[in-house]
Amino acid sequence: MKTTYEPLEVYQGQFGQYTITPEDLREVKIYRAGLILSALSFAVGSGLILVRGATSLTLTLLTPLLTLFCLGLGISLITIHIYLIPLHRFLQVCWGIGTLTAIVLSISCQEPFALCVYQTPLTLLGIGFIFVALTGIYFKEAFCFNRLETKLLTPLVPILLLGHLFGVLSVEIEQALLGIWAGLFIIFALRKAIQPLTPDIGDKSVFTYLKQQRSASVS
């Protein structure tokens, strides 16, 4: 049986021509699916804590929601297209440190995980790395696509987390910032879902050029 393939469209990049393959498009779809999973999990968790408060059921549900949030973020960090490989690896390492810390804390805490983190702000020195990775995605999207929501999220996340860590924000302000974060995250994920796929792939000739530069420096 003869197999036929559709011709790939050729693009002109900064350092030469390149093609976008079905695998490239699949990676973008997976990246966006990870963002949607993270955004929905975060929004549901934030909504529960803001509307219902720290009830026993809410605190119990926050742990699996955090698990889904971290899973979605990890998927996105594997498939995201970032020109600078060291930056890409840095964000992945941050996710790994934060996720590992969250696992250790969830096992060692004698109380619900979310309550443990809230009542012990110093735990953010570990699990906060998860949000460093997330902020890296926000910054990349703000820089590449000039999105208003990610321009707002990039400073909002560290302001909220550092404010809680150092105890300089009131409960009311923290709740307001959390609600804004959840809302903007959902807007960001939904807008990504309807954006054309090819812009997320970027100029592949730049990836090729940077790879050649690294090879030349090693040799």
C-alpha atoms as a PDB file:
ATOM      1  CA  MET A   1       0.000   0.000   0.000  1.00  0.00           C
ATOM      2  CA  LYS A   2       1.449   3.315  -1.048  1.00  0.00           C
ATOM      3  CA  THR A   3       1.528   6.031   1.579  1.00  0.00           C
ATOM      4  CA  THR A   4       1.184   9.643   0.539  1.00  0.00           C
ATOM      5  CA  TYR A   5       2.147  12.703   2.526  1.00  0.00           C
ATOM      6  CA  GLU A   6       0.881  16.225   2.234  1.00  0.00           C
ATOM      7  CA  PRO A   7       3.674  18.642   1.275  1.00  0.00           C
ATOM      8  CA  LEU A   8       4.898  20.735   4.166  1.00  0.00           C
ATOM      9  CA  GLU A   9       4.686  24.500   3.844  1.00  0.00           C
ATOM     10  CA  VAL A  10       8.069  26.215   3.703  1.00  0.00           C
ATOM     11  CA  TYR A  11       8.591  29.365   5.789  1.00  0.00           C
ATOM     12  CA  GLN A  12      11.338  31.949   5.542  1.00  0.00           C
ATOM     13  CA  GLY A  13      12.993  32.554   8.880  1.00  0.00           C
ATOM     14  CA  GLN A  14      15.674  34.893  10.135  1.00  0.00           C
ATOM     15  CA  PHE A  15      18.436  32.366   9.467  1.00  0.00           C
ATOM     16  CA  GLY A  16      16.980  30.455   6.533  1.00  0.00           C
ATOM     17  CA  GLN A  17      14.018  28.391   5.457  1.00  0.00           C
ATOM     18  CA  TYR A  18      12.217  25.892   7.664  1.00  0.00           C
ATOM     19  CA  THR A  19       9.113  23.707   7.651  1.00  0.00           C
ATOM     20  CA  ILE A  20       6.492  23.086  10.310  1.00  0.00           C
ATOM     21  CA  THR A  21       5.793  19.407  10.809  1.00  0.00           C
ATOM     22  CA  PRO A  22       2.727  17.629  12.212  1.00  0.00           C
ATOM     23  CA  GLU A  23       4.822  16.863  15.297  1.00  0.00           C
ATOM     24  CA  ASP A  24       5.392  20.596  15.840  1.00  0.00           C
ATOM     25  CA  LEU A  25       1.657  21.245  15.681  1.00  0.00           C
ATOM     26  CA  ARG A  26       0.946  18.326  18.012  1.00  0.00           C
ATOM     27  CA  GLU A  27       3.387  19.743  20.583  1.00  0.00           C
ATOM     28  CA  VAL A  28       1.601  23.099  20.516  1.00  0.00           C
ATOM     29  CA  LYS A  29      -1.752  21.411  21.088  1.00  0.00           C
ATOM     30  CA  ILE A  30      -0.319  19.473  24.041  1.00  0.00           C
ATOM     31  CA  TYR A  31       1.242  22.678  25.426  1.00  0.00           C
ATOM     32  CA  ARG A  32      -2.125  24.410  25.315  1.00  0.00           C
ATOM     33  CA  ALA A  33      -3.943  21.411  26.795  1.00  0.00           C
ATOM     34  CA  GLY A  34      -1.523  21.521  29.728  1.00  0.00           C
ATOM     35  CA  LEU A  35      -2.229  25.223  30.221  1.00  0.00           C
ATOM     36  CA  ILE A  36      -5.984  24.619  30.198  1.00  0.00           C
ATOM     37  CA  LEU A  37      -5.648  21.808  32.755  1.00  0.00           C
ATOM     38  CA  SER A  38      -3.527  24.024  35.011  1.00  0.00           C
ATOM     39  CA  ALA A  39      -5.794  27.047  34.631  1.00  0.00           C
ATOM     40  CA  LEU A  40      -9.003  25.115  35.316  1.00  0.00           C
ATOM     41  CA  SER A  41      -7.525  23.343  38.343  1.00  0.00           C
ATOM     42  CA  PHE A  42      -6.217  26.622  39.724  1.00  0.00           C
ATOM     43  CA  ALA A  43      -9.498  28.433  39.106  1.00  0.00           C
ATOM     44  CA  VAL A  44     -11.584  25.701  40.760  1.00  0.00           C
ATOM     45  CA  GLY A  45      -9.270  25.575  43.761  1.00  0.00           C
ATOM     46  CA  SER A  46      -9.206  29.353  44.095  1.00  0.00           C
ATOM     47  CA  GLY A  47     -12.982  29.538  43.729  1.00  0.00           C
ATOM     48  CA  LEU A  48     -13.513  26.961  46.443  1.00  0.00           C
ATOM     49  CA  ILE A  49     -11.279  28.725  48.940  1.00  0.00           C
ATOM     50  CA  LEU A  50     -12.716  32.176  48.141  1.00  0.00           C
ATOM     51  CA  VAL A  51     -16.387  31.148  48.148  1.00  0.00           C
ATOM     52  CA  ARG A  52     -16.564  28.298  50.665  1.00  0.00           C
ATOM     53  CA  GLY A  53     -13.581  29.177  52.828  1.00  0.00           C
ATOM     54  CA  ALA A  54     -11.208  26.731  54.491  1.00  0.00           C
ATOM     55  CA  THR A  55     -13.788  24.000  55.141  1.00  0.00           C
ATOM     56  CA  SER A  56     -12.729  20.404  55.583  1.00  0.00           C
ATOM     57  CA  LEU A  57     -14.065  19.480  52.133  1.00  0.00           C
ATOM     58  CA  THR A  58     -12.317  22.417  50.458  1.00  0.00           C
ATOM     59  CA  LEU A  59      -8.975  21.605  52.048  1.00  0.00           C
ATOM     60  CA  THR A  60      -9.356  17.969  51.028  1.00  0.00           C
ATOM     61  CA  LEU A  61     -10.135  18.865  47.407  1.00  0.00           C
ATOM     62  CA  LEU A  62      -7.226  21.308  47.092  1.00  0.00           C
ATOM     63  CA  THR A  63      -4.622  18.530  47.156  1.00  0.00           C
ATOM     64  CA  PRO A  64      -5.866  16.662  44.021  1.00  0.00           C
ATOM     65  CA  LEU A  65      -6.494  20.028  42.333  1.00  0.00           C
ATOM     66  CA  LEU A  66      -2.885  21.032  43.025  1.00  0.00           C
ATOM     67  CA  THR A  67      -1.779  17.692  41.607  1.00  0.00           C
ATOM     68  CA  LEU A  68      -3.677  18.368  38.372  1.00  0.00           C
ATOM     69  CA  PHE A  69      -2.311  21.927  38.302  1.00  0.00           C
ATOM     70  CA  CYS A  70       1.285  20.691  38.589  1.00  0.00           C
ATOM     71  CA  LEU A  71       0.681  17.940  36.037  1.00  0.00           C
ATOM     72  CA  GLY A  72      -0.701  20.396  33.483  1.00  0.00           C
ATOM     73  CA  LEU A  73       2.137  22.836  34.078  1.00  0.00           C
ATOM     74  CA  GLY A  74       4.714  20.071  33.705  1.00  0.00           C
ATOM     75  CA  ILE A  75       3.189  18.995  30.395  1.00  0.00           C
ATOM     76  CA  SER A  76       3.301  22.574  29.144  1.00  0.00           C
ATOM     77  CA  LEU A  77       6.928  22.999  30.195  1.00  0.00           C
ATOM     78  CA  ILE A  78       7.923  19.894  28.243  1.00  0.00           C
ATOM     79  CA  THR A  79       6.274  21.030  25.013  1.00  0.00           C
ATOM     80  CA  ILE A  80       6.678  24.823  25.126  1.00  0.00           C
ATOM     81  CA  HIS A  81       8.876  26.351  22.393  1.00  0.00           C
ATOM     82  CA  ILE A  82      11.544  28.632  23.895  1.00  0.00           C
ATOM     83  CA  TYR A  83      14.569  29.725  21.860  1.00  0.00           C
ATOM     84  CA  LEU A  84      16.956  29.854  24.820  1.00  0.00           C
ATOM     85  CA  ILE A  85      17.527  26.256  25.907  1.00  0.00           C
ATOM     86  CA  PRO A  86      19.114  27.249  29.270  1.00  0.00           C
ATOM     87  CA  LEU A  87      15.993  29.258  30.124  1.00  0.00           C
ATOM     88  CA  HIS A  88      13.765  26.347  29.088  1.00  0.00           C
ATOM     89  CA  ARG A  89      15.753  23.967  31.297  1.00  0.00           C
ATOM     90  CA  PHE A  90      15.733  26.465  34.176  1.00  0.00           C
ATOM     91  CA  LEU A  91      11.932  26.620  34.160  1.00  0.00           C
ATOM     92  CA  GLN A  92      11.719  22.820  34.058  1.00  0.00           C
ATOM     93  CA  VAL A  93      14.142  22.531  36.994  1.00  0.00           C
ATOM     94  CA  CYS A  94      12.102  25.083  38.964  1.00  0.00           C
ATOM     95  CA  TRP A  95       8.970  23.019  38.320  1.00  0.00           C
ATOM     96  CA  GLY A  96      10.787  19.889  39.459  1.00  0.00           C
ATOM     97  CA  ILE A  97      12.067  21.467  42.688  1.00  0.00           C
ATOM     98  CA  GLY A  98       8.672  22.909  43.540  1.00  0.00           C
ATOM     99  CA  THR A  99       6.776  19.722  42.743  1.00  0.00           C
ATOM    100  CA  LEU A 100       9.204  17.536  44.711  1.00  0.00           C
ATOM    101  CA  THR A 101       8.907  19.898  47.675  1.00  0.00           C
ATOM    102  CA  ALA A 102       5.113  19.745  47.460  1.00  0.00           C
ATOM    103  CA  ILE A 103       5.210  15.943  47.492  1.00  0.00           C
ATOM    104  CA  VAL A 104       7.495  15.868  50.537  1.00  0.00           C
ATOM    105  CA  LEU A 105       5.356  18.409  52.401  1.00  0.00           C
ATOM    106  CA  SER A 106       2.118  16.610  51.597  1.00  0.00           C
ATOM    107  CA  ILE A 107       3.566  13.435  53.111  1.00  0.00           C
ATOM    108  CA  SER A 108       5.150  15.044  56.153  1.00  0.00           C
ATOM    109  CA  CYS A 109       2.427  17.555  57.110  1.00  0.00           C
ATOM    110  CA  GLN A 110       0.146  16.487  59.936  1.00  0.00           C
ATOM    111  CA  GLU A 111      -2.634  18.752  58.656  1.00  0.00           C
ATOM    112  CA  PRO A 112      -4.176  19.322  55.207  1.00  0.00           C
ATOM    113  CA  PHE A 113      -1.492  20.332  52.740  1.00  0.00           C
ATOM    114  CA  ALA A 114      -3.063  23.663  51.728  1.00  0.00           C
ATOM    115  CA  LEU A 115      -3.505  24.683  55.369  1.00  0.00           C
ATOM    116  CA  CYS A 116       0.083  23.725  56.119  1.00  0.00           C
ATOM    117  CA  VAL A 117       1.371  25.927  53.306  1.00  0.00           C
ATOM    118  CA  TYR A 118      -0.866  28.867  54.226  1.00  0.00           C
ATOM    119  CA  GLN A 119       0.020  28.775  57.920  1.00  0.00           C
ATOM    120  CA  THR A 120       3.733  28.246  57.256  1.00  0.00           C
ATOM    121  CA  PRO A 121       4.750  30.833  54.638  1.00  0.00           C
ATOM    122  CA  LEU A 122       8.355  29.620  54.650  1.00  0.00           C
ATOM    123  CA  THR A 123       7.180  26.575  52.692  1.00  0.00           C
ATOM    124  CA  LEU A 124       6.925  28.949  49.718  1.00  0.00           C
ATOM    125  CA  LEU A 125      10.725  28.905  49.574  1.00  0.00           C
ATOM    126  CA  GLY A 126      10.292  25.380  48.227  1.00  0.00           C
ATOM    127  CA  ILE A 127       6.953  25.039  46.477  1.00  0.00           C
ATOM    128  CA  GLY A 128       7.252  28.611  45.253  1.00  0.00           C
ATOM    129  CA  PHE A 129       9.531  27.323  42.499  1.00  0.00           C
ATOM    130  CA  ILE A 130       6.409  25.901  40.818  1.00  0.00           C
ATOM    131  CA  PHE A 131       5.150  29.443  40.440  1.00  0.00           C
ATOM    132  CA  VAL A 132       8.534  30.696  39.278  1.00  0.00           C
ATOM    133  CA  ALA A 133       8.113  28.280  36.362  1.00  0.00           C
ATOM    134  CA  LEU A 134       4.541  29.443  35.765  1.00  0.00           C
ATOM    135  CA  THR A 135       5.617  33.089  35.837  1.00  0.00           C
ATOM    136  CA  GLY A 136       8.271  32.215  33.264  1.00  0.00           C
ATOM    137  CA  ILE A 137       5.514  31.059  30.922  1.00  0.00           C
ATOM    138  CA  TYR A 138       3.555  34.251  31.574  1.00  0.00           C
ATOM    139  CA  PHE A 139       6.654  36.341  30.804  1.00  0.00           C
ATOM    140  CA  LYS A 140       7.389  34.414  27.613  1.00  0.00           C
ATOM    141  CA  GLU A 141       3.828  34.868  26.391  1.00  0.00           C
ATOM    142  CA  ALA A 142       3.825  38.560  27.296  1.00  0.00           C
ATOM    143  CA  PHE A 143       7.126  39.093  25.469  1.00  0.00           C
ATOM    144  CA  CYS A 144       6.252  37.056  22.365  1.00  0.00           C
ATOM    145  CA  PHE A 145       2.558  37.884  21.942  1.00  0.00           C
ATOM    146  CA  ASN A 146       2.093  41.151  23.856  1.00  0.00           C
ATOM    147  CA  ARG A 147      -0.862  39.728  25.785  1.00  0.00           C
ATOM    148  CA  LEU A 148      -2.381  42.069  28.364  1.00  0.00           C
ATOM    149  CA  GLU A 149      -3.374  39.303  30.781  1.00  0.00           C
ATOM    150  CA  THR A 150       0.138  37.863  30.914  1.00  0.00           C
ATOM    151  CA  LYS A 151       1.622  41.339  31.327  1.00  0.00           C
ATOM    152  CA  LEU A 152      -0.536  41.654  34.445  1.00  0.00           C
ATOM    153  CA  LEU A 153       0.126  38.106  35.677  1.00  0.00           C
ATOM    154  CA  THR A 154       3.917  38.383  35.426  1.00  0.00           C
ATOM    155  CA  PRO A 155       4.226  40.846  38.347  1.00  0.00           C
ATOM    156  CA  LEU A 156       1.007  39.798  40.128  1.00  0.00           C
ATOM    157  CA  VAL A 157       2.181  36.279  41.008  1.00  0.00           C
ATOM    158  CA  PRO A 158       5.432  37.257  42.768  1.00  0.00           C
ATOM    159  CA  ILE A 159       3.688  40.188  44.495  1.00  0.00           C
ATOM    160  CA  LEU A 160       1.085  37.854  46.009  1.00  0.00           C
ATOM    161  CA  LEU A 161       3.499  35.079  46.977  1.00  0.00           C
ATOM    162  CA  LEU A 162       6.238  37.333  48.317  1.00  0.00           C
ATOM    163  CA  GLY A 163       3.632  39.462  50.074  1.00  0.00           C
ATOM    164  CA  HIS A 164       2.318  36.376  51.857  1.00  0.00           C
ATOM    165  CA  LEU A 165       5.837  35.123  52.593  1.00  0.00           C
ATOM    166  CA  PHE A 166       6.805  38.365  54.332  1.00  0.00           C
ATOM    167  CA  GLY A 167       3.360  38.970  55.840  1.00  0.00           C
ATOM    168  CA  VAL A 168       2.853  42.423  54.322  1.00  0.00           C
ATOM    169  CA  LEU A 169      -0.529  41.808  52.687  1.00  0.00           C
ATOM    170  CA  SER A 170      -3.883  41.730  54.440  1.00  0.00           C
ATOM    171  CA  VAL A 171      -6.175  38.737  53.991  1.00  0.00           C
ATOM    172  CA  GLU A 172      -8.557  40.861  51.925  1.00  0.00           C
ATOM    173  CA  ILE A 173      -5.812  41.939  49.522  1.00  0.00           C
ATOM    174  CA  GLU A 174      -4.541  38.375  49.190  1.00  0.00           C
ATOM    175  CA  GLN A 175      -8.044  37.160  48.369  1.00  0.00           C
ATOM    176  CA  ALA A 176      -8.523  39.898  45.776  1.00  0.00           C
ATOM    177  CA  LEU A 177      -5.179  39.137  44.113  1.00  0.00           C
ATOM    178  CA  LEU A 178      -5.929  35.409  44.124  1.00  0.00           C
ATOM    179  CA  GLY A 179      -9.278  35.990  42.415  1.00  0.00           C
ATOM    180  CA  ILE A 180      -7.686  38.251  39.798  1.00  0.00           C
ATOM    181  CA  TRP A 181      -4.936  35.674  39.204  1.00  0.00           C
ATOM    182  CA  ALA A 182      -7.444  32.858  38.676  1.00  0.00           C
ATOM    183  CA  GLY A 183      -9.568  34.947  36.319  1.00  0.00           C
ATOM    184  CA  LEU A 184      -6.662  36.173  34.211  1.00  0.00           C
ATOM    185  CA  PHE A 185      -5.187  32.655  34.054  1.00  0.00           C
ATOM    186  CA  ILE A 186      -8.452  31.311  32.625  1.00  0.00           C
ATOM    187  CA  ILE A 187      -8.599  34.159  30.096  1.00  0.00           C
ATOM    188  CA  PHE A 188      -5.007  33.445  29.059  1.00  0.00           C
ATOM    189  CA  ALA A 189      -5.592  29.701  28.623  1.00  0.00           C
ATOM    190  CA  LEU A 190      -8.812  30.189  26.652  1.00  0.00           C
ATOM    191  CA  ARG A 191      -7.250  32.789  24.355  1.00  0.00           C
ATOM    192  CA  LYS A 192      -4.356  30.416  23.701  1.00  0.00           C
ATOM    193  CA  ALA A 193      -6.836  27.704  22.761  1.00  0.00           C
ATOM    194  CA  ILE A 194      -8.232  29.750  19.862  1.00  0.00           C
ATOM    195  CA  GLN A 195      -4.944  31.274  18.695  1.00  0.00           C
ATOM    196  CA  PRO A 196      -3.473  29.925  15.415  1.00  0.00           C
ATOM    197  CA  LEU A 197      -0.998  27.129  16.083  1.00  0.00           C
ATOM    198  CA  THR A 198       2.001  28.210  14.006  1.00  0.00           C
ATOM    199  CA  PRO A 199       2.924  31.369  15.991  1.00  0.00           C
ATOM    200  CA  ASP A 200       3.555  29.194  19.071  1.00  0.00           C
ATOM    201  CA  ILE A 201       6.165  27.218  17.136  1.00  0.00           C
ATOM    202  CA  GLY A 202       8.205  30.296  16.402  1.00  0.00           C
ATOM    203  CA  ASP A 203      11.015  30.717  13.890  1.00  0.00           C
ATOM    204  CA  LYS A 204      12.580  27.244  13.703  1.00  0.00           C
ATOM    205  CA  SER A 205      15.587  28.648  11.841  1.00  0.00           C
ATOM    206  CA  VAL A 206      16.541  30.373  15.108  1.00  0.00           C
ATOM    207  CA  PHE A 207      16.508  27.019  16.938  1.00  0.00           C
ATOM    208  CA  THR A 208      18.703  25.537  14.192  1.00  0.00           C
ATOM    209  CA  TYR A 209      21.106  28.472  14.298  1.00  0.00           C
ATOM    210  CA  LEU A 210      21.463  28.369  18.089  1.00  0.00           C
ATOM    211  CA  LYS A 211      22.027  24.610  17.980  1.00  0.00           C
ATOM    212  CA  GLN A 212      24.775  25.060  15.395  1.00  0.00           C
ATOM    213  CA  GLN A 213      26.360  27.764  17.546  1.00  0.00           C
ATOM    214  CA  ARG A 214      26.393  25.467  20.571  1.00  0.00           C
ATOM    215  CA  SER A 215      27.914  22.646  18.509  1.00  0.00           C
ATOM    216  CA  ALA A 216      30.597  24.965  17.141  1.00  0.00           C
ATOM    217  CA  SER A 217      31.505  26.218  20.622  1.00  0.00           C
ATOM    218  CA  VAL A 218      31.824  22.659  21.928  1.00  0.00           C
ATOM    219  CA  SER A 219      34.031  21.533  19.036  1.00  0.00           C
END
